[in-house]
Amino acid sequence: MQPFWVIGSKLTMTEAPNAIKAVKKFAQLSMGVQDVRISPGLNQAVWSRGVKSPPRRIRVRLERKRNDDEGAKEKLYVLASIVEGVTSFKVRPTPLLSQSVELT
């Protein structure tokens, strides 16, 4: 195991865990639910380049779902997953409506 180096007041070996914590905090604030679950795909994407250098930007999909567990404290939970196929963060594409939906 490599030693930990202190740069400023931050340990360099905690970048990926801090990224996961930031995703959870963002989900809690934006969705209003304390129970946040990270999908395995999102976890793998954050840890893909190691602990020291996680990706700078990741597009995340947040889904609020009903909690069916017996002893659950909250009725809802948030599932955070990665959006695959994002090549550029400059312009966010508008999702296309299906042909069966008619606008009046």
PDB file of N, CA and C in Angstrom:
ATOM      1  N   MET A   1       0.835  -1.176   0.000  1.00  0.00           N
ATOM      2  CA  MET A   1       0.000   0.000   0.000  1.00  0.00           C
ATOM      3  C   MET A   1       0.885   1.245   0.000  1.00  0.00           C
ATOM      4  N   GLN A   2       0.504   2.221  -0.764  1.00  0.00           N
ATOM      5  CA  GLN A   2       1.270   3.457  -0.830  1.00  0.00           C
ATOM      6  C   GLN A   2       0.908   4.363   0.335  1.00  0.00           C
ATOM      7  N   PRO A   3       1.848   5.195   0.749  1.00  0.00           N
ATOM      8  CA  PRO A   3       1.517   6.139   1.830  1.00  0.00           C
ATOM      9  C   PRO A   3       0.572   7.227   1.342  1.00  0.00           C
ATOM     10  N   PHE A   4      -0.050   7.892   2.301  1.00  0.00           N
ATOM     11  CA  PHE A   4      -0.966   8.974   1.987  1.00  0.00           C
ATOM     12  C   PHE A   4      -0.196  10.289   1.997  1.00  0.00           C
ATOM     13  N   TRP A   5      -0.414  11.125   0.988  1.00  0.00           N
ATOM     14  CA  TRP A   5       0.217  12.434   0.926  1.00  0.00           C
ATOM     15  C   TRP A   5      -0.838  13.493   1.189  1.00  0.00           C
ATOM     16  N   VAL A   6      -0.497  14.453   1.995  1.00  0.00           N
ATOM     17  CA  VAL A   6      -1.410  15.544   2.295  1.00  0.00           C
ATOM     18  C   VAL A   6      -1.087  16.701   1.359  1.00  0.00           C
ATOM     19  N   ILE A   7      -2.077  17.101   0.551  1.00  0.00           N
ATOM     20  CA  ILE A   7      -1.925  18.246  -0.342  1.00  0.00           C
ATOM     21  C   ILE A   7      -2.974  19.248   0.091  1.00  0.00           C
ATOM     22  N   GLY A   8      -2.552  20.394   0.544  1.00  0.00           N
ATOM     23  CA  GLY A   8      -3.496  21.334   1.139  1.00  0.00           C
ATOM     24  C   GLY A   8      -3.967  20.722   2.448  1.00  0.00           C
ATOM     25  N   SER A   9      -5.247  20.485   2.561  1.00  0.00           N
ATOM     26  CA  SER A   9      -5.767  19.796   3.736  1.00  0.00           C
ATOM     27  C   SER A   9      -6.562  18.567   3.302  1.00  0.00           C
ATOM     28  N   LYS A  10      -6.170  17.980   2.163  1.00  0.00           N
ATOM     29  CA  LYS A  10      -6.941  16.882   1.586  1.00  0.00           C
ATOM     30  C   LYS A  10      -6.019  15.695   1.320  1.00  0.00           C
ATOM     31  N   LEU A  11      -6.464  14.524   1.654  1.00  0.00           N
ATOM     32  CA  LEU A  11      -5.693  13.330   1.354  1.00  0.00           C
ATOM     33  C   LEU A  11      -5.901  12.945  -0.102  1.00  0.00           C
ATOM     34  N   THR A  12      -4.835  12.584  -0.799  1.00  0.00           N
ATOM     35  CA  THR A  12      -4.961  12.276  -2.224  1.00  0.00           C
ATOM     36  C   THR A  12      -5.564  10.909  -2.469  1.00  0.00           C
ATOM     37  N   MET A  13      -5.559  10.037  -1.498  1.00  0.00           N
ATOM     38  CA  MET A  13      -6.097   8.689  -1.702  1.00  0.00           C
ATOM     39  C   MET A  13      -7.595   8.618  -1.428  1.00  0.00           C
ATOM     40  N   THR A  14      -8.281   9.756  -1.312  1.00  0.00           N
ATOM     41  CA  THR A  14      -9.705   9.729  -1.006  1.00  0.00           C
ATOM     42  C   THR A  14     -10.540  10.391  -2.094  1.00  0.00           C
ATOM     43  N   GLU A  15     -10.029  10.526  -3.294  1.00  0.00           N
ATOM     44  CA  GLU A  15     -10.769  11.216  -4.344  1.00  0.00           C
ATOM     45  C   GLU A  15     -12.023  10.448  -4.776  1.00  0.00           C
ATOM     46  N   ALA A  16     -11.906   9.156  -5.058  1.00  0.00           N
ATOM     47  CA  ALA A  16     -13.061   8.377  -5.510  1.00  0.00           C
ATOM     48  C   ALA A  16     -14.135   8.246  -4.421  1.00  0.00           C
ATOM     49  N   PRO A  17     -13.780   7.968  -3.171  1.00  0.00           N
ATOM     50  CA  PRO A  17     -14.820   7.961  -2.137  1.00  0.00           C
ATOM     51  C   PRO A  17     -15.508   9.315  -1.973  1.00  0.00           C
ATOM     52  N   ASN A  18     -14.747  10.410  -2.132  1.00  0.00           N
ATOM     53  CA  ASN A  18     -15.366  11.730  -2.052  1.00  0.00           C
ATOM     54  C   ASN A  18     -16.317  11.960  -3.221  1.00  0.00           C
ATOM     55  N   ALA A  19     -16.005  11.418  -4.381  1.00  0.00           N
ATOM     56  CA  ALA A  19     -16.899  11.544  -5.534  1.00  0.00           C
ATOM     57  C   ALA A  19     -18.210  10.806  -5.276  1.00  0.00           C
ATOM     58  N   ILE A  20     -18.143   9.626  -4.693  1.00  0.00           N
ATOM     59  CA  ILE A  20     -19.352   8.869  -4.356  1.00  0.00           C
ATOM     60  C   ILE A  20     -20.181   9.641  -3.323  1.00  0.00           C
ATOM     61  N   LYS A  21     -19.518  10.226  -2.330  1.00  0.00           N
ATOM     62  CA  LYS A  21     -20.227  11.011  -1.321  1.00  0.00           C
ATOM     63  C   LYS A  21     -20.886  12.239  -1.941  1.00  0.00           C
ATOM     64  N   ALA A  22     -20.221  12.850  -2.938  1.00  0.00           N
ATOM     65  CA  ALA A  22     -20.791  14.022  -3.597  1.00  0.00           C
ATOM     66  C   ALA A  22     -22.036  13.651  -4.394  1.00  0.00           C
ATOM     67  N   VAL A  23     -22.014  12.486  -5.047  1.00  0.00           N
ATOM     68  CA  VAL A  23     -23.192  12.024  -5.792  1.00  0.00           C
ATOM     69  C   VAL A  23     -24.344  11.784  -4.829  1.00  0.00           C
ATOM     70  N   LYS A  24     -24.065  11.149  -3.689  1.00  0.00           N
ATOM     71  CA  LYS A  24     -25.116  10.886  -2.699  1.00  0.00           C
ATOM     72  C   LYS A  24     -25.690  12.185  -2.132  1.00  0.00           C
ATOM     73  N   LYS A  25     -24.827  13.154  -1.838  1.00  0.00           N
ATOM     74  CA  LYS A  25     -25.290  14.416  -1.287  1.00  0.00           C
ATOM     75  C   LYS A  25     -26.148  15.172  -2.301  1.00  0.00           C
ATOM     76  N   PHE A  26     -25.725  15.172  -3.576  1.00  0.00           N
ATOM     77  CA  PHE A  26     -26.506  15.824  -4.620  1.00  0.00           C
ATOM     78  C   PHE A  26     -27.878  15.170  -4.759  1.00  0.00           C
ATOM     79  N   ALA A  27     -27.920  13.842  -4.712  1.00  0.00           N
ATOM     80  CA  ALA A  27     -29.190  13.125  -4.832  1.00  0.00           C
ATOM     81  C   ALA A  27     -30.103  13.423  -3.643  1.00  0.00           C
ATOM     82  N   GLN A  28     -29.541  13.494  -2.453  1.00  0.00           N
ATOM     83  CA  GLN A  28     -30.346  13.802  -1.271  1.00  0.00           C
ATOM     84  C   GLN A  28     -30.944  15.194  -1.357  1.00  0.00           C
ATOM     85  N   LEU A  29     -30.149  16.166  -1.790  1.00  0.00           N
ATOM     86  CA  LEU A  29     -30.632  17.537  -1.858  1.00  0.00           C
ATOM     87  C   LEU A  29     -31.649  17.737  -2.980  1.00  0.00           C
ATOM     88  N   SER A  30     -31.402  17.119  -4.133  1.00  0.00           N
ATOM     89  CA  SER A  30     -32.278  17.367  -5.275  1.00  0.00           C
ATOM     90  C   SER A  30     -33.563  16.549  -5.233  1.00  0.00           C
ATOM     91  N   MET A  31     -33.538  15.371  -4.644  1.00  0.00           N
ATOM     92  CA  MET A  31     -34.718  14.515  -4.625  1.00  0.00           C
ATOM     93  C   MET A  31     -35.445  14.528  -3.280  1.00  0.00           C
ATOM     94  N   GLY A  32     -34.835  15.034  -2.235  1.00  0.00           N
ATOM     95  CA  GLY A  32     -35.496  15.137  -0.940  1.00  0.00           C
ATOM     96  C   GLY A  32     -35.664  13.814  -0.213  1.00  0.00           C
ATOM     97  N   VAL A  33     -34.807  12.850  -0.474  1.00  0.00           N
ATOM     98  CA  VAL A  33     -34.875  11.539   0.156  1.00  0.00           C
ATOM     99  C   VAL A  33     -33.490  11.222   0.723  1.00  0.00           C
ATOM    100  N   GLN A  34     -33.437  10.715   1.951  1.00  0.00           N
ATOM    101  CA  GLN A  34     -32.153  10.434   2.585  1.00  0.00           C
ATOM    102  C   GLN A  34     -31.548   9.105   2.145  1.00  0.00           C
ATOM    103  N   ASP A  35     -32.386   8.138   1.737  1.00  0.00           N
ATOM    104  CA  ASP A  35     -31.901   6.820   1.333  1.00  0.00           C
ATOM    105  C   ASP A  35     -31.499   6.859  -0.140  1.00  0.00           C
ATOM    106  N   VAL A  36     -30.191   6.888  -0.411  1.00  0.00           N
ATOM    107  CA  VAL A  36     -29.669   6.944  -1.774  1.00  0.00           C
ATOM    108  C   VAL A  36     -28.855   5.687  -2.015  1.00  0.00           C
ATOM    109  N   ARG A  37     -29.134   5.017  -3.142  1.00  0.00           N
ATOM    110  CA  ARG A  37     -28.419   3.795  -3.504  1.00  0.00           C
ATOM    111  C   ARG A  37     -27.687   4.019  -4.821  1.00  0.00           C
ATOM    112  N   ILE A  38     -26.442   3.610  -4.853  1.00  0.00           N
ATOM    113  CA  ILE A  38     -25.594   3.771  -6.034  1.00  0.00           C
ATOM    114  C   ILE A  38     -25.623   2.464  -6.815  1.00  0.00           C
ATOM    115  N   SER A  39     -25.898   2.549  -8.119  1.00  0.00           N
ATOM    116  CA  SER A  39     -25.927   1.346  -8.945  1.00  0.00           C
ATOM    117  C   SER A  39     -24.502   0.843  -9.163  1.00  0.00           C
ATOM    118  N   PRO A  40     -24.335  -0.454  -9.412  1.00  0.00           N
ATOM    119  CA  PRO A  40     -22.990  -0.991  -9.658  1.00  0.00           C
ATOM    120  C   PRO A  40     -22.308  -0.359 -10.872  1.00  0.00           C
ATOM    121  N   GLY A  41     -23.082   0.007 -11.893  1.00  0.00           N
ATOM    122  CA  GLY A  41     -22.496   0.637 -13.073  1.00  0.00           C
ATOM    123  C   GLY A  41     -21.909   2.005 -12.765  1.00  0.00           C
ATOM    124  N   LEU A  42     -22.611   2.793 -11.947  1.00  0.00           N
ATOM    125  CA  LEU A  42     -22.102   4.105 -11.554  1.00  0.00           C
ATOM    126  C   LEU A  42     -20.870   3.959 -10.667  1.00  0.00           C
ATOM    127  N   ASN A  43     -20.901   3.018  -9.750  1.00  0.00           N
ATOM    128  CA  ASN A  43     -19.760   2.777  -8.878  1.00  0.00           C
ATOM    129  C   ASN A  43     -18.538   2.369  -9.700  1.00  0.00           C
ATOM    130  N   GLN A  44     -18.743   1.506 -10.691  1.00  0.00           N
ATOM    131  CA  GLN A  44     -17.642   1.060 -11.543  1.00  0.00           C
ATOM    132  C   GLN A  44     -17.094   2.211 -12.380  1.00  0.00           C
ATOM    133  N   ALA A  45     -17.974   3.107 -12.852  1.00  0.00           N
ATOM    134  CA  ALA A  45     -17.525   4.244 -13.656  1.00  0.00           C
ATOM    135  C   ALA A  45     -16.705   5.225 -12.820  1.00  0.00           C
ATOM    136  N   VAL A  46     -17.095   5.443 -11.573  1.00  0.00           N
ATOM    137  CA  VAL A  46     -16.350   6.358 -10.711  1.00  0.00           C
ATOM    138  C   VAL A  46     -14.979   5.783 -10.373  1.00  0.00           C
ATOM    139  N   TRP A  47     -14.916   4.488 -10.133  1.00  0.00           N
ATOM    140  CA  TRP A  47     -13.664   3.842  -9.741  1.00  0.00           C
ATOM    141  C   TRP A  47     -12.850   3.350 -10.937  1.00  0.00           C
ATOM    142  N   SER A  48     -13.276   3.629 -12.178  1.00  0.00           N
ATOM    143  CA  SER A  48     -12.621   3.069 -13.363  1.00  0.00           C
ATOM    144  C   SER A  48     -11.165   3.504 -13.519  1.00  0.00           C
ATOM    145  N   ARG A  49     -10.830   4.703 -13.089  1.00  0.00           N
ATOM    146  CA  ARG A  49      -9.454   5.188 -13.238  1.00  0.00           C
ATOM    147  C   ARG A  49      -8.683   5.160 -11.921  1.00  0.00           C
ATOM    148  N   GLY A  50      -9.196   4.438 -10.959  1.00  0.00           N
ATOM    149  CA  GLY A  50      -8.500   4.281  -9.691  1.00  0.00           C
ATOM    150  C   GLY A  50      -9.005   5.251  -8.633  1.00  0.00           C
ATOM    151  N   VAL A  51      -8.380   5.167  -7.458  1.00  0.00           N
ATOM    152  CA  VAL A  51      -8.819   5.961  -6.325  1.00  0.00           C
ATOM    153  C   VAL A  51      -8.376   7.415  -6.452  1.00  0.00           C
ATOM    154  N   LYS A  52      -7.255   7.674  -7.138  1.00  0.00           N
ATOM    155  CA  LYS A  52      -6.688   9.023  -7.169  1.00  0.00           C
ATOM    156  C   LYS A  52      -7.311   9.929  -8.220  1.00  0.00           C
ATOM    157  N   SER A  53      -7.810   9.368  -9.328  1.00  0.00           N
ATOM    158  CA  SER A  53      -8.271  10.235 -10.416  1.00  0.00           C
ATOM    159  C   SER A  53      -9.598   9.769 -10.986  1.00  0.00           C
ATOM    160  N   PRO A  54     -10.701   9.999 -10.273  1.00  0.00           N
ATOM    161  CA  PRO A  54     -12.006   9.652 -10.846  1.00  0.00           C
ATOM    162  C   PRO A  54     -12.332  10.603 -11.996  1.00  0.00           C
ATOM    163  N   PRO A  55     -13.278  10.250 -12.858  1.00  0.00           N
ATOM    164  CA  PRO A  55     -13.651  11.141 -13.960  1.00  0.00           C
ATOM    165  C   PRO A  55     -14.130  12.490 -13.434  1.00  0.00           C
ATOM    166  N   ARG A  56     -13.829  13.548 -14.177  1.00  0.00           N
ATOM    167  CA  ARG A  56     -14.211  14.894 -13.747  1.00  0.00           C
ATOM    168  C   ARG A  56     -15.705  15.127 -13.869  1.00  0.00           C
ATOM    169  N   ARG A  57     -16.326  14.547 -14.903  1.00  0.00           N
ATOM    170  CA  ARG A  57     -17.771  14.708 -15.096  1.00  0.00           C
ATOM    171  C   ARG A  57     -18.398  13.365 -15.421  1.00  0.00           C
ATOM    172  N   ILE A  58     -19.563  13.150 -14.849  1.00  0.00           N
ATOM    173  CA  ILE A  58     -20.367  11.953 -15.138  1.00  0.00           C
ATOM    174  C   ILE A  58     -21.815  12.403 -15.170  1.00  0.00           C
ATOM    175  N   ARG A  59     -22.551  11.966 -16.180  1.00  0.00           N
ATOM    176  CA  ARG A  59     -23.985  12.259 -16.209  1.00  0.00           C
ATOM    177  C   ARG A  59     -24.710  11.154 -15.453  1.00  0.00           C
ATOM    178  N   VAL A  60     -25.514  11.561 -14.473  1.00  0.00           N
ATOM    179  CA  VAL A  60     -26.165  10.624 -13.559  1.00  0.00           C
ATOM    180  C   VAL A  60     -27.673  10.735 -13.713  1.00  0.00           C
ATOM    181  N   ARG A  61     -28.352   9.594 -13.741  1.00  0.00           N
ATOM    182  CA  ARG A  61     -29.816   9.542 -13.754  1.00  0.00           C
ATOM    183  C   ARG A  61     -30.278   9.198 -12.343  1.00  0.00           C
ATOM    184  N   LEU A  62     -31.179  10.012 -11.810  1.00  0.00           N
ATOM    185  CA  LEU A  62     -31.730   9.788 -10.477  1.00  0.00           C
ATOM    186  C   LEU A  62     -33.179   9.336 -10.611  1.00  0.00           C
ATOM    187  N   GLU A  63     -33.509   8.198  -9.995  1.00  0.00           N
ATOM    188  CA  GLU A  63     -34.865   7.661 -10.048  1.00  0.00           C
ATOM    189  C   GLU A  63     -35.373   7.481  -8.621  1.00  0.00           C
ATOM    190  N   ARG A  64     -36.536   8.039  -8.345  1.00  0.00           N
ATOM    191  CA  ARG A  64     -37.160   7.869  -7.039  1.00  0.00           C
ATOM    192  C   ARG A  64     -38.054   6.634  -7.119  1.00  0.00           C
ATOM    193  N   LYS A  65     -37.826   5.672  -6.223  1.00  0.00           N
ATOM    194  CA  LYS A  65     -38.578   4.416  -6.245  1.00  0.00           C
ATOM    195  C   LYS A  65     -39.191   4.150  -4.875  1.00  0.00           C
ATOM    196  N   ARG A  66     -40.233   3.327  -4.890  1.00  0.00           N
ATOM    197  CA  ARG A  66     -40.925   2.973  -3.654  1.00  0.00           C
ATOM    198  C   ARG A  66     -40.141   1.870  -2.938  1.00  0.00           C
ATOM    199  N   ASN A  67     -39.987   2.029  -1.624  1.00  0.00           N
ATOM    200  CA  ASN A  67     -39.251   1.084  -0.803  1.00  0.00           C
ATOM    201  C   ASN A  67     -40.215   0.026  -0.279  1.00  0.00           C
ATOM    202  N   ASP A  68     -40.017  -1.228  -0.686  1.00  0.00           N
ATOM    203  CA  ASP A  68     -40.914  -2.311  -0.294  1.00  0.00           C
ATOM    204  C   ASP A  68     -40.369  -3.146   0.865  1.00  0.00           C
ATOM    205  N   ASP A  69     -39.280  -2.726   1.489  1.00  0.00           N
ATOM    206  CA  ASP A  69     -38.718  -3.464   2.612  1.00  0.00           C
ATOM    207  C   ASP A  69     -39.639  -3.356   3.825  1.00  0.00           C
ATOM    208  N   GLU A  70     -39.635  -4.374   4.655  1.00  0.00           N
ATOM    209  CA  GLU A  70     -40.527  -4.413   5.815  1.00  0.00           C
ATOM    210  C   GLU A  70     -40.177  -3.339   6.842  1.00  0.00           C
ATOM    211  N   GLY A  71     -38.929  -3.279   7.274  1.00  0.00           N
ATOM    212  CA  GLY A  71     -38.544  -2.360   8.340  1.00  0.00           C
ATOM    213  C   GLY A  71     -37.924  -1.072   7.828  1.00  0.00           C
ATOM    214  N   ALA A  72     -38.381  -0.581   6.695  1.00  0.00           N
ATOM    215  CA  ALA A  72     -37.784   0.611   6.102  1.00  0.00           C
ATOM    216  C   ALA A  72     -38.190   1.866   6.868  1.00  0.00           C
ATOM    217  N   LYS A  73     -37.236   2.773   7.048  1.00  0.00           N
ATOM    218  CA  LYS A  73     -37.529   4.027   7.729  1.00  0.00           C
ATOM    219  C   LYS A  73     -38.278   4.989   6.823  1.00  0.00           C
ATOM    220  N   GLU A  74     -37.965   4.950   5.522  1.00  0.00           N
ATOM    221  CA  GLU A  74     -38.591   5.855   4.571  1.00  0.00           C
ATOM    222  C   GLU A  74     -39.380   5.073   3.533  1.00  0.00           C
ATOM    223  N   LYS A  75     -40.390   5.703   2.970  1.00  0.00           N
ATOM    224  CA  LYS A  75     -41.225   5.054   1.960  1.00  0.00           C
ATOM    225  C   LYS A  75     -40.547   5.009   0.598  1.00  0.00           C
ATOM    226  N   LEU A  76     -39.650   5.960   0.342  1.00  0.00           N
ATOM    227  CA  LEU A  76     -39.013   6.078  -0.965  1.00  0.00           C
ATOM    228  C   LEU A  76     -37.502   5.994  -0.827  1.00  0.00           C
ATOM    229  N   TYR A  77     -36.850   5.599  -1.937  1.00  0.00           N
ATOM    230  CA  TYR A  77     -35.404   5.665  -2.024  1.00  0.00           C
ATOM    231  C   TYR A  77     -35.033   6.160  -3.413  1.00  0.00           C
ATOM    232  N   VAL A  78     -33.797   6.614  -3.561  1.00  0.00           N
ATOM    233  CA  VAL A  78     -33.305   7.126  -4.837  1.00  0.00           C
ATOM    234  C   VAL A  78     -32.242   6.179  -5.356  1.00  0.00           C
ATOM    235  N   LEU A  79     -32.388   5.787  -6.630  1.00  0.00           N
ATOM    236  CA  LEU A  79     -31.388   4.960  -7.289  1.00  0.00           C
ATOM    237  C   LEU A  79     -30.614   5.836  -8.252  1.00  0.00           C
ATOM    238  N   ALA A  80     -29.312   5.972  -8.028  1.00  0.00           N
ATOM    239  CA  ALA A  80     -28.446   6.762  -8.891  1.00  0.00           C
ATOM    240  C   ALA A  80     -27.729   5.820  -9.843  1.00  0.00           C
ATOM    241  N   SER A  81     -27.896   6.056 -11.150  1.00  0.00           N
ATOM    242  CA  SER A  81     -27.238   5.230 -12.157  1.00  0.00           C
ATOM    243  C   SER A  81     -26.589   6.128 -13.196  1.00  0.00           C
ATOM    244  N   ILE A  82     -25.664   5.567 -13.955  1.00  0.00           N
ATOM    245  CA  ILE A  82     -24.936   6.342 -14.954  1.00  0.00           C
ATOM    246  C   ILE A  82     -25.716   6.334 -16.264  1.00  0.00           C
ATOM    247  N   VAL A  83     -25.610   7.429 -17.014  1.00  0.00           N
ATOM    248  CA  VAL A  83     -26.201   7.523 -18.344  1.00  0.00           C
ATOM    249  C   VAL A  83     -25.117   7.130 -19.334  1.00  0.00           C
ATOM    250  N   GLU A  84     -25.330   6.031 -20.039  1.00  0.00           N
ATOM    251  CA  GLU A  84     -24.333   5.520 -20.982  1.00  0.00           C
ATOM    252  C   GLU A  84     -24.382   6.287 -22.293  1.00  0.00           C
ATOM    253  N   GLY A  85     -23.260   6.348 -22.979  1.00  0.00           N
ATOM    254  CA  GLY A  85     -23.214   6.910 -24.324  1.00  0.00           C
ATOM    255  C   GLY A  85     -23.072   8.409 -24.385  1.00  0.00           C
ATOM    256  N   VAL A  86     -22.709   9.060 -23.299  1.00  0.00           N
ATOM    257  CA  VAL A  86     -22.530  10.514 -23.312  1.00  0.00           C
ATOM    258  C   VAL A  86     -21.131  10.800 -23.841  1.00  0.00           C
ATOM    259  N   THR A  87     -21.057  11.533 -24.950  1.00  0.00           N
ATOM    260  CA  THR A  87     -19.761  11.850 -25.536  1.00  0.00           C
ATOM    261  C   THR A  87     -19.342  13.282 -25.266  1.00  0.00           C
ATOM    262  N   SER A  88     -20.301  14.184 -25.092  1.00  0.00           N
ATOM    263  CA  SER A  88     -19.982  15.585 -24.868  1.00  0.00           C
ATOM    264  C   SER A  88     -20.911  16.152 -23.802  1.00  0.00           C
ATOM    265  N   PHE A  89     -20.356  16.994 -22.964  1.00  0.00           N
ATOM    266  CA  PHE A  89     -21.143  17.646 -21.932  1.00  0.00           C
ATOM    267  C   PHE A  89     -21.481  19.081 -22.317  1.00  0.00           C
ATOM    268  N   LYS A  90     -21.140  19.486 -23.526  1.00  0.00           N
ATOM    269  CA  LYS A  90     -21.371  20.862 -23.965  1.00  0.00           C
ATOM    270  C   LYS A  90     -22.849  21.134 -24.202  1.00  0.00           C
ATOM    271  N   VAL A  91     -23.517  20.256 -24.945  1.00  0.00           N
ATOM    272  CA  VAL A  91     -24.924  20.439 -25.284  1.00  0.00           C
ATOM    273  C   VAL A  91     -25.683  19.214 -24.811  1.00  0.00           C
ATOM    274  N   ARG A  92     -26.746  19.442 -24.061  1.00  0.00           N
ATOM    275  CA  ARG A  92     -27.568  18.328 -23.600  1.00  0.00           C
ATOM    276  C   ARG A  92     -28.665  18.080 -24.615  1.00  0.00           C
ATOM    277  N   PRO A  93     -28.708  16.904 -25.225  1.00  0.00           N
ATOM    278  CA  PRO A  93     -29.737  16.656 -26.234  1.00  0.00           C
ATOM    279  C   PRO A  93     -31.131  16.573 -25.622  1.00  0.00           C
ATOM    280  N   THR A  94     -32.101  17.047 -26.362  1.00  0.00           N
ATOM    281  CA  THR A  94     -33.494  16.979 -25.936  1.00  0.00           C
ATOM    282  C   THR A  94     -34.027  15.588 -26.254  1.00  0.00           C
ATOM    283  N   PRO A  95     -34.672  14.915 -25.292  1.00  0.00           N
ATOM    284  CA  PRO A  95     -35.201  13.584 -25.588  1.00  0.00           C
ATOM    285  C   PRO A  95     -36.352  13.674 -26.592  1.00  0.00           C
ATOM    286  N   LEU A  96     -36.391  12.715 -27.499  1.00  0.00           N
ATOM    287  CA  LEU A  96     -37.430  12.679 -28.512  1.00  0.00           C
ATOM    288  C   LEU A  96     -38.694  12.040 -27.956  1.00  0.00           C
ATOM    289  N   LEU A  97     -39.834  12.603 -28.297  1.00  0.00           N
ATOM    290  CA  LEU A  97     -41.110  12.016 -27.909  1.00  0.00           C
ATOM    291  C   LEU A  97     -41.431  10.867 -28.849  1.00  0.00           C
ATOM    292  N   SER A  98     -42.125   9.875 -28.346  1.00  0.00           N
ATOM    293  CA  SER A  98     -42.495   8.754 -29.201  1.00  0.00           C
ATOM    294  C   SER A  98     -43.564   9.203 -30.194  1.00  0.00           C
ATOM    295  N   GLN A  99     -43.685   8.473 -31.291  1.00  0.00           N
ATOM    296  CA  GLN A  99     -44.610   8.838 -32.347  1.00  0.00           C
ATOM    297  C   GLN A  99     -46.073   8.667 -31.923  1.00  0.00           C
ATOM    298  N   SER A 100     -46.332   7.811 -30.922  1.00  0.00           N
ATOM    299  CA  SER A 100     -47.728   7.549 -30.530  1.00  0.00           C
ATOM    300  C   SER A 100     -48.313   8.700 -29.703  1.00  0.00           C
ATOM    301  N   VAL A 101     -47.490   9.552 -29.128  1.00  0.00           N
ATOM    302  CA  VAL A 101     -47.977  10.649 -28.305  1.00  0.00           C
ATOM    303  C   VAL A 101     -48.291  11.836 -29.208  1.00  0.00           C
ATOM    304  N   GLU A 102     -49.524  12.345 -29.109  1.00  0.00           N
ATOM    305  CA  GLU A 102     -49.912  13.493 -29.895  1.00  0.00           C
ATOM    306  C   GLU A 102     -50.047  14.711 -28.988  1.00  0.00           C
ATOM    307  N   LEU A 103     -49.472  15.801 -29.397  1.00  0.00           N
ATOM    308  CA  LEU A 103     -49.562  17.032 -28.622  1.00  0.00           C
ATOM    309  C   LEU A 103     -50.735  17.848 -29.126  1.00  0.00           C
ATOM    310  N   THR A 104     -51.558  18.369 -28.211  1.00  0.00           N
ATOM    311  CA  THR A 104     -52.701  19.193 -28.626  1.00  0.00           C
ATOM    312  C   THR A 104     -52.556  20.587 -28.071  1.00  0.00           C
TER     313      THR A 104
END
